[in-house]
Amino acid sequence: MPSQQNTVTFYDGRSAPQLGLGVWQVQNNEAATVVETALKSGYRSIDTAAIYGNEDGVGRGVSASGVARDDLFIATKLWNDRHGHDSAKEAFQESLDRLGLDYVDLYLIHWPAPRQNKFVDAWESLIQLRDEGRAKSIGVCNFNVPHLQTLLDQTGVLPVVNQIELHPGFQQAELREYHAEHDIVTEAWSPLGRGSMLGHPALAPIAEKHGRSVAQIILRWHIQLGNMVIPKSVTPSRIQENIRVFDFSLDEADMAAIAKLDDPAGRTGPDPEVFHLP
């Protein structure tokens, strides 16, 4: 049975589960089992990407779960080397084929790769895919304010979602403010700081207070901020634990204590301004 779950609504009128399963670094040969476990644990949202090399396994897990396609929210992403108009469309079809699906619920540009200066071309292709109904909603990942503003200025269309590194140690307040002003949903990848936040001494007392794990406290913090969030795990008990965050709330003191953990230098992944092809 699906767990209690919140949803978010995009400016295009479509909705998505607020919490899903991320499968970055999940091997293709174990992705099917991980995805099937998550779906049977109540998850309805799965986030993958072409560069992860596991879309095939994700698709097999979706098929094996027996969950109706209309009840699922599947997202995948366009890699940096396919930003051209034609190549983006070809890459999208390749992803659909690997997933074994007729459409995805969300298609994302994975990185702006600004040195290439082709992300607007890619975005124009995503708009066409959306208009064709093969990508129900379209978004981006790792775009900073200038990148988002460029999309708006040159196409008049903003993403429904910007998926960014976001955790208590790197809270990205300025970017989240831009999102709020432009009705873009913030989605957090690496929501636990790649595990770096789990041992933080400020979080242990909050976890003890609520009788929860530190991971659950952090995920609940994201939920109360309104973020979509995609924690990754291959361990069934952790997969199940991570979704049990909708039956308690953090109070104002908890939220204030976590707000103080922000570090502008707390990024653990690449900087979007300089990240490009390997």
Protein backbone atom coordinates (compact mmCIF):
# COMPACT_ATOMS: atom_id res chain seq x y z
CA MET A 1 0.00 0.00 0.00
CA PRO A 2 1.31 3.51 -0.74
CA SER A 3 2.59 5.41 2.28
CA GLN A 4 1.05 8.71 3.27
CA GLN A 5 2.58 11.20 0.84
CA ASN A 6 2.46 14.88 -0.03
CA THR A 7 2.35 16.22 -3.55
CA VAL A 8 3.53 19.44 -5.16
CA THR A 9 1.79 21.17 -8.05
CA PHE A 10 3.77 22.67 -10.93
CA TYR A 11 2.82 25.88 -12.67
CA ASP A 12 1.78 23.78 -15.69
CA GLY A 13 -0.97 22.26 -13.55
CA ARG A 14 0.61 18.83 -13.18
CA SER A 15 1.52 17.37 -9.81
CA ALA A 16 4.25 15.13 -8.43
CA PRO A 17 4.99 13.26 -5.21
CA GLN A 18 7.09 15.44 -2.95
CA LEU A 19 9.44 12.58 -2.08
CA GLY A 20 10.87 10.08 -4.53
CA LEU A 21 13.72 7.65 -4.97
CA GLY A 22 16.97 8.81 -6.57
CA VAL A 23 19.08 6.17 -8.29
CA TRP A 24 22.40 7.95 -8.87
CA GLN A 25 25.26 5.42 -8.51
CA VAL A 26 22.83 2.48 -8.46
CA GLN A 27 24.22 -0.18 -10.79
CA ASN A 28 21.97 -1.18 -13.69
CA ASN A 29 21.97 -4.82 -12.58
CA GLU A 30 20.55 -3.89 -9.16
CA ALA A 31 18.31 -0.98 -10.21
CA ALA A 32 15.33 -3.21 -11.00
CA THR A 33 15.31 -4.70 -7.50
CA VAL A 34 15.85 -1.33 -5.82
CA VAL A 35 13.05 0.33 -7.80
CA GLU A 36 10.65 -2.56 -7.27
CA THR A 37 11.38 -2.47 -3.52
CA ALA A 38 10.76 1.28 -3.40
CA LEU A 39 7.49 1.08 -5.31
CA LYS A 40 6.26 -1.73 -3.06
CA SER A 41 7.23 0.44 -0.06
CA GLY A 42 4.96 3.25 -1.19
CA TYR A 43 7.17 5.37 -3.43
CA ARG A 44 5.58 6.57 -6.62
CA SER A 45 8.36 8.82 -7.94
CA ILE A 46 11.64 7.58 -9.45
CA ASP A 47 14.45 9.89 -10.63
CA THR A 48 17.09 8.58 -13.03
CA ALA A 49 19.29 9.98 -15.83
CA ALA A 50 20.91 8.86 -19.04
CA ILE A 51 24.39 9.31 -17.56
CA TYR A 52 23.55 6.99 -14.63
CA GLY A 53 23.54 4.02 -16.99
CA ASN A 54 20.59 2.41 -15.21
CA GLU A 55 17.51 3.48 -17.15
CA ASP A 56 17.07 -0.09 -18.40
CA GLY A 57 17.11 -1.44 -14.85
CA VAL A 58 14.73 1.27 -13.68
CA GLY A 59 12.32 0.34 -16.46
CA ARG A 60 12.45 -3.33 -15.52
CA GLY A 61 11.76 -2.45 -11.88
CA VAL A 62 8.79 -0.31 -12.87
CA SER A 63 7.39 -3.15 -14.98
CA ALA A 64 7.94 -5.78 -12.29
CA SER A 65 6.28 -3.69 -9.58
CA GLY A 66 2.82 -4.06 -11.08
CA VAL A 67 2.02 -0.42 -10.23
CA ALA A 68 -0.15 1.22 -12.87
CA ARG A 69 1.78 3.64 -15.09
CA ASP A 70 -0.72 6.43 -14.41
CA ASP A 71 0.11 6.18 -10.69
CA LEU A 72 3.85 6.72 -11.27
CA PHE A 73 6.03 9.78 -11.74
CA ILE A 74 9.18 8.94 -13.72
CA ALA A 75 11.90 11.51 -14.39
CA THR A 76 15.08 11.25 -16.43
CA LYS A 77 17.68 13.68 -17.74
CA LEU A 78 19.53 14.87 -20.83
CA TRP A 79 23.32 14.64 -20.59
CA ASN A 80 25.73 17.44 -21.51
CA ASP A 81 26.93 16.00 -24.81
CA ARG A 82 23.42 16.00 -26.34
CA HIS A 83 22.45 19.69 -26.07
CA GLY A 84 21.88 20.23 -29.80
CA HIS A 85 18.32 20.44 -31.15
CA ASP A 86 18.37 17.10 -32.98
CA SER A 87 20.68 15.31 -30.58
CA ALA A 88 18.50 16.23 -27.60
CA LYS A 89 15.45 14.70 -29.24
CA GLU A 90 17.42 11.59 -30.18
CA ALA A 91 18.73 11.26 -26.62
CA PHE A 92 15.20 11.57 -25.27
CA GLN A 93 13.96 8.74 -27.49
CA GLU A 94 16.91 6.59 -26.43
CA SER A 95 15.97 7.16 -22.78
CA LEU A 96 12.35 6.23 -23.48
CA ASP A 97 13.48 3.05 -25.21
CA ARG A 98 15.72 2.04 -22.32
CA LEU A 99 12.97 2.77 -19.80
CA GLY A 100 10.41 0.90 -21.88
CA LEU A 101 7.98 3.80 -21.61
CA ASP A 102 5.89 5.86 -24.02
CA TYR A 103 6.45 9.07 -22.05
CA VAL A 104 8.14 10.44 -18.97
CA ASP A 105 6.49 12.66 -16.41
CA LEU A 106 9.50 14.98 -16.17
CA TYR A 107 12.45 15.49 -18.51
CA LEU A 108 15.36 17.57 -17.26
CA ILE A 109 18.49 19.16 -18.65
CA HIS A 110 21.10 17.68 -16.34
CA TRP A 111 23.61 20.57 -16.29
CA PRO A 112 23.74 23.95 -18.03
CA ALA A 113 27.35 23.31 -19.18
CA PRO A 114 27.67 27.05 -19.90
CA ARG A 115 31.02 26.74 -21.66
CA GLN A 116 29.20 24.93 -24.47
CA ASN A 117 26.56 27.67 -24.55
CA LYS A 118 23.97 25.29 -26.02
CA PHE A 119 21.54 24.84 -23.14
CA VAL A 120 19.00 27.15 -24.78
CA ASP A 121 19.01 24.89 -27.87
CA ALA A 122 18.40 21.92 -25.57
CA TRP A 123 15.62 23.78 -23.80
CA GLU A 124 13.89 24.57 -27.09
CA SER A 125 13.92 20.84 -27.86
CA LEU A 126 12.42 20.05 -24.46
CA ILE A 127 9.64 22.55 -25.08
CA GLN A 128 8.80 20.70 -28.30
CA LEU A 129 8.84 17.35 -26.49
CA ARG A 130 6.45 18.79 -23.91
CA ASP A 131 4.16 20.13 -26.61
CA GLU A 132 4.13 16.68 -28.23
CA GLY A 133 3.10 15.12 -24.90
CA ARG A 134 6.06 12.77 -24.67
CA ALA A 135 7.54 14.69 -21.73
CA LYS A 136 4.59 15.74 -19.60
CA SER A 137 6.59 18.41 -17.77
CA ILE A 138 10.06 19.82 -18.36
CA GLY A 139 12.70 21.14 -16.03
CA VAL A 140 16.40 21.59 -15.39
CA CYS A 141 19.06 20.62 -12.89
CA ASN A 142 21.91 22.68 -11.46
CA PHE A 143 20.89 25.94 -13.16
CA ASN A 144 21.88 29.12 -11.36
CA VAL A 145 19.86 32.34 -11.54
CA PRO A 146 21.62 33.68 -14.69
CA HIS A 147 21.01 30.39 -16.52
CA LEU A 148 17.32 30.42 -15.58
CA GLN A 149 16.98 34.05 -16.59
CA THR A 150 18.55 33.25 -19.96
CA LEU A 151 15.90 30.59 -20.58
CA LEU A 152 13.17 33.07 -19.74
CA ASP A 153 14.64 35.88 -21.83
CA GLN A 154 15.28 33.74 -24.90
CA THR A 155 12.31 31.35 -24.89
CA GLY A 156 9.71 32.84 -22.56
CA VAL A 157 9.43 29.45 -20.83
CA LEU A 158 10.78 28.59 -17.40
CA PRO A 159 11.25 25.07 -16.01
CA VAL A 160 8.67 23.71 -13.61
CA VAL A 161 11.50 22.29 -11.51
CA ASN A 162 15.15 23.09 -10.85
CA GLN A 163 16.89 20.13 -9.24
CA ILE A 164 19.89 21.40 -7.27
CA GLU A 165 22.30 20.31 -4.59
CA LEU A 166 20.55 21.25 -1.37
CA HIS A 167 20.98 20.08 2.21
CA PRO A 168 21.29 21.67 5.67
CA GLY A 169 24.97 22.40 5.05
CA PHE A 170 24.28 24.12 1.70
CA GLN A 171 20.87 25.75 1.65
CA GLN A 172 21.01 27.95 -1.49
CA ALA A 173 18.66 30.64 -0.15
CA GLU A 174 19.18 33.09 -3.03
CA LEU A 175 18.41 30.48 -5.68
CA ARG A 176 15.38 29.20 -3.77
CA GLU A 177 14.11 32.77 -3.52
CA TYR A 178 14.32 33.14 -7.31
CA HIS A 179 12.45 29.87 -7.67
CA ALA A 180 9.69 31.08 -5.36
CA GLU A 181 9.36 34.37 -7.22
CA HIS A 182 9.03 32.55 -10.57
CA ASP A 183 6.89 29.59 -9.46
CA ILE A 184 9.68 27.05 -9.98
CA VAL A 185 9.65 24.05 -7.64
CA THR A 186 12.94 23.42 -5.86
CA GLU A 187 14.04 19.78 -5.92
CA ALA A 188 16.93 18.67 -3.74
CA TRP A 189 19.56 16.19 -4.86
CA SER A 190 22.06 14.97 -2.29
CA PRO A 191 19.46 15.95 0.34
CA LEU A 192 21.53 14.40 3.14
CA GLY A 193 24.77 16.03 1.97
CA ARG A 194 26.08 12.69 0.69
CA GLY A 195 25.84 11.48 4.27
CA SER A 196 27.99 14.29 5.61
CA MET A 197 25.16 15.75 7.67
CA LEU A 198 24.14 12.52 9.40
CA GLY A 199 26.71 12.91 12.15
CA HIS A 200 26.23 16.63 12.73
CA PRO A 201 25.96 17.28 16.49
CA ALA A 202 23.19 19.86 16.06
CA LEU A 203 20.87 17.31 14.48
CA ALA A 204 21.16 14.48 16.99
CA PRO A 205 19.12 16.25 19.72
CA ILE A 206 16.34 17.04 17.24
CA ALA A 207 16.25 13.41 16.16
CA GLU A 208 16.13 12.24 19.78
CA LYS A 209 13.37 14.73 20.55
CA HIS A 210 11.14 13.31 17.82
CA GLY A 211 12.21 9.67 18.16
CA ARG A 212 13.43 9.66 14.55
CA SER A 213 16.68 9.13 12.70
CA VAL A 214 18.78 12.11 11.66
CA ALA A 215 18.05 11.24 8.03
CA GLN A 216 14.32 11.47 8.72
CA ILE A 217 14.80 14.85 10.41
CA ILE A 218 16.67 16.21 7.39
CA LEU A 219 14.12 14.87 4.94
CA ARG A 220 11.29 16.33 7.02
CA TRP A 221 13.10 19.69 6.94
CA HIS A 222 13.07 19.54 3.15
CA ILE A 223 9.39 18.64 3.11
CA GLN A 224 8.48 21.58 5.34
CA LEU A 225 10.48 23.94 3.13
CA GLY A 226 8.32 22.76 0.23
CA ASN A 227 11.15 21.04 -1.62
CA MET A 228 10.80 17.95 -3.70
CA VAL A 229 13.42 15.52 -2.48
CA ILE A 230 14.98 12.33 -3.89
CA PRO A 231 17.05 10.44 -1.31
CA LYS A 232 18.98 7.48 -2.67
CA SER A 233 19.46 4.12 -1.01
CA VAL A 234 19.80 0.51 -2.09
CA THR A 235 19.07 -0.86 1.38
CA PRO A 236 15.41 -1.91 1.85
CA SER A 237 15.25 -0.76 5.47
CA ARG A 238 16.64 2.68 4.57
CA ILE A 239 14.32 2.97 1.56
CA GLN A 240 11.39 2.32 3.88
CA GLU A 241 12.71 4.63 6.60
CA ASN A 242 13.20 7.54 4.22
CA ILE A 243 9.56 7.68 3.19
CA ARG A 244 8.26 7.65 6.77
CA VAL A 245 8.48 11.42 7.17
CA PHE A 246 4.87 12.48 6.65
CA ASP A 247 3.50 11.61 10.09
CA PHE A 248 5.40 14.13 12.23
CA SER A 249 6.44 17.78 12.06
CA LEU A 250 9.40 19.88 13.08
CA ASP A 251 8.61 22.92 15.18
CA GLU A 252 9.89 26.47 14.71
CA ALA A 253 12.84 25.88 17.03
CA ASP A 254 13.89 22.81 15.04
CA MET A 255 13.67 24.66 11.74
CA ALA A 256 15.62 27.61 13.15
CA ALA A 257 18.37 25.34 14.45
CA ILE A 258 18.74 23.67 11.05
CA ALA A 259 18.76 27.05 9.28
CA LYS A 260 21.90 27.94 11.25
CA LEU A 261 23.80 25.02 9.68
CA ASP A 262 24.00 26.71 6.27
CA ASP A 263 27.51 27.13 4.88
CA PRO A 264 28.00 29.01 1.58
CA ALA A 265 31.07 26.83 1.04
CA GLY A 266 29.19 23.62 1.81
CA ARG A 267 28.79 22.40 -1.75
CA THR A 268 29.82 18.74 -2.13
CA GLY A 269 29.24 18.37 -5.88
CA PRO A 270 30.42 20.26 -8.98
CA ASP A 271 29.95 24.00 -9.42
CA PRO A 272 27.48 24.55 -12.30
CA GLU A 273 29.42 27.62 -13.47
CA VAL A 274 32.51 25.59 -14.32
CA PHE A 275 31.30 22.02 -14.73
CA HIS A 276 31.50 20.76 -18.30
CA LEU A 277 32.09 17.52 -20.15
CA PRO A 278 34.74 15.22 -18.64
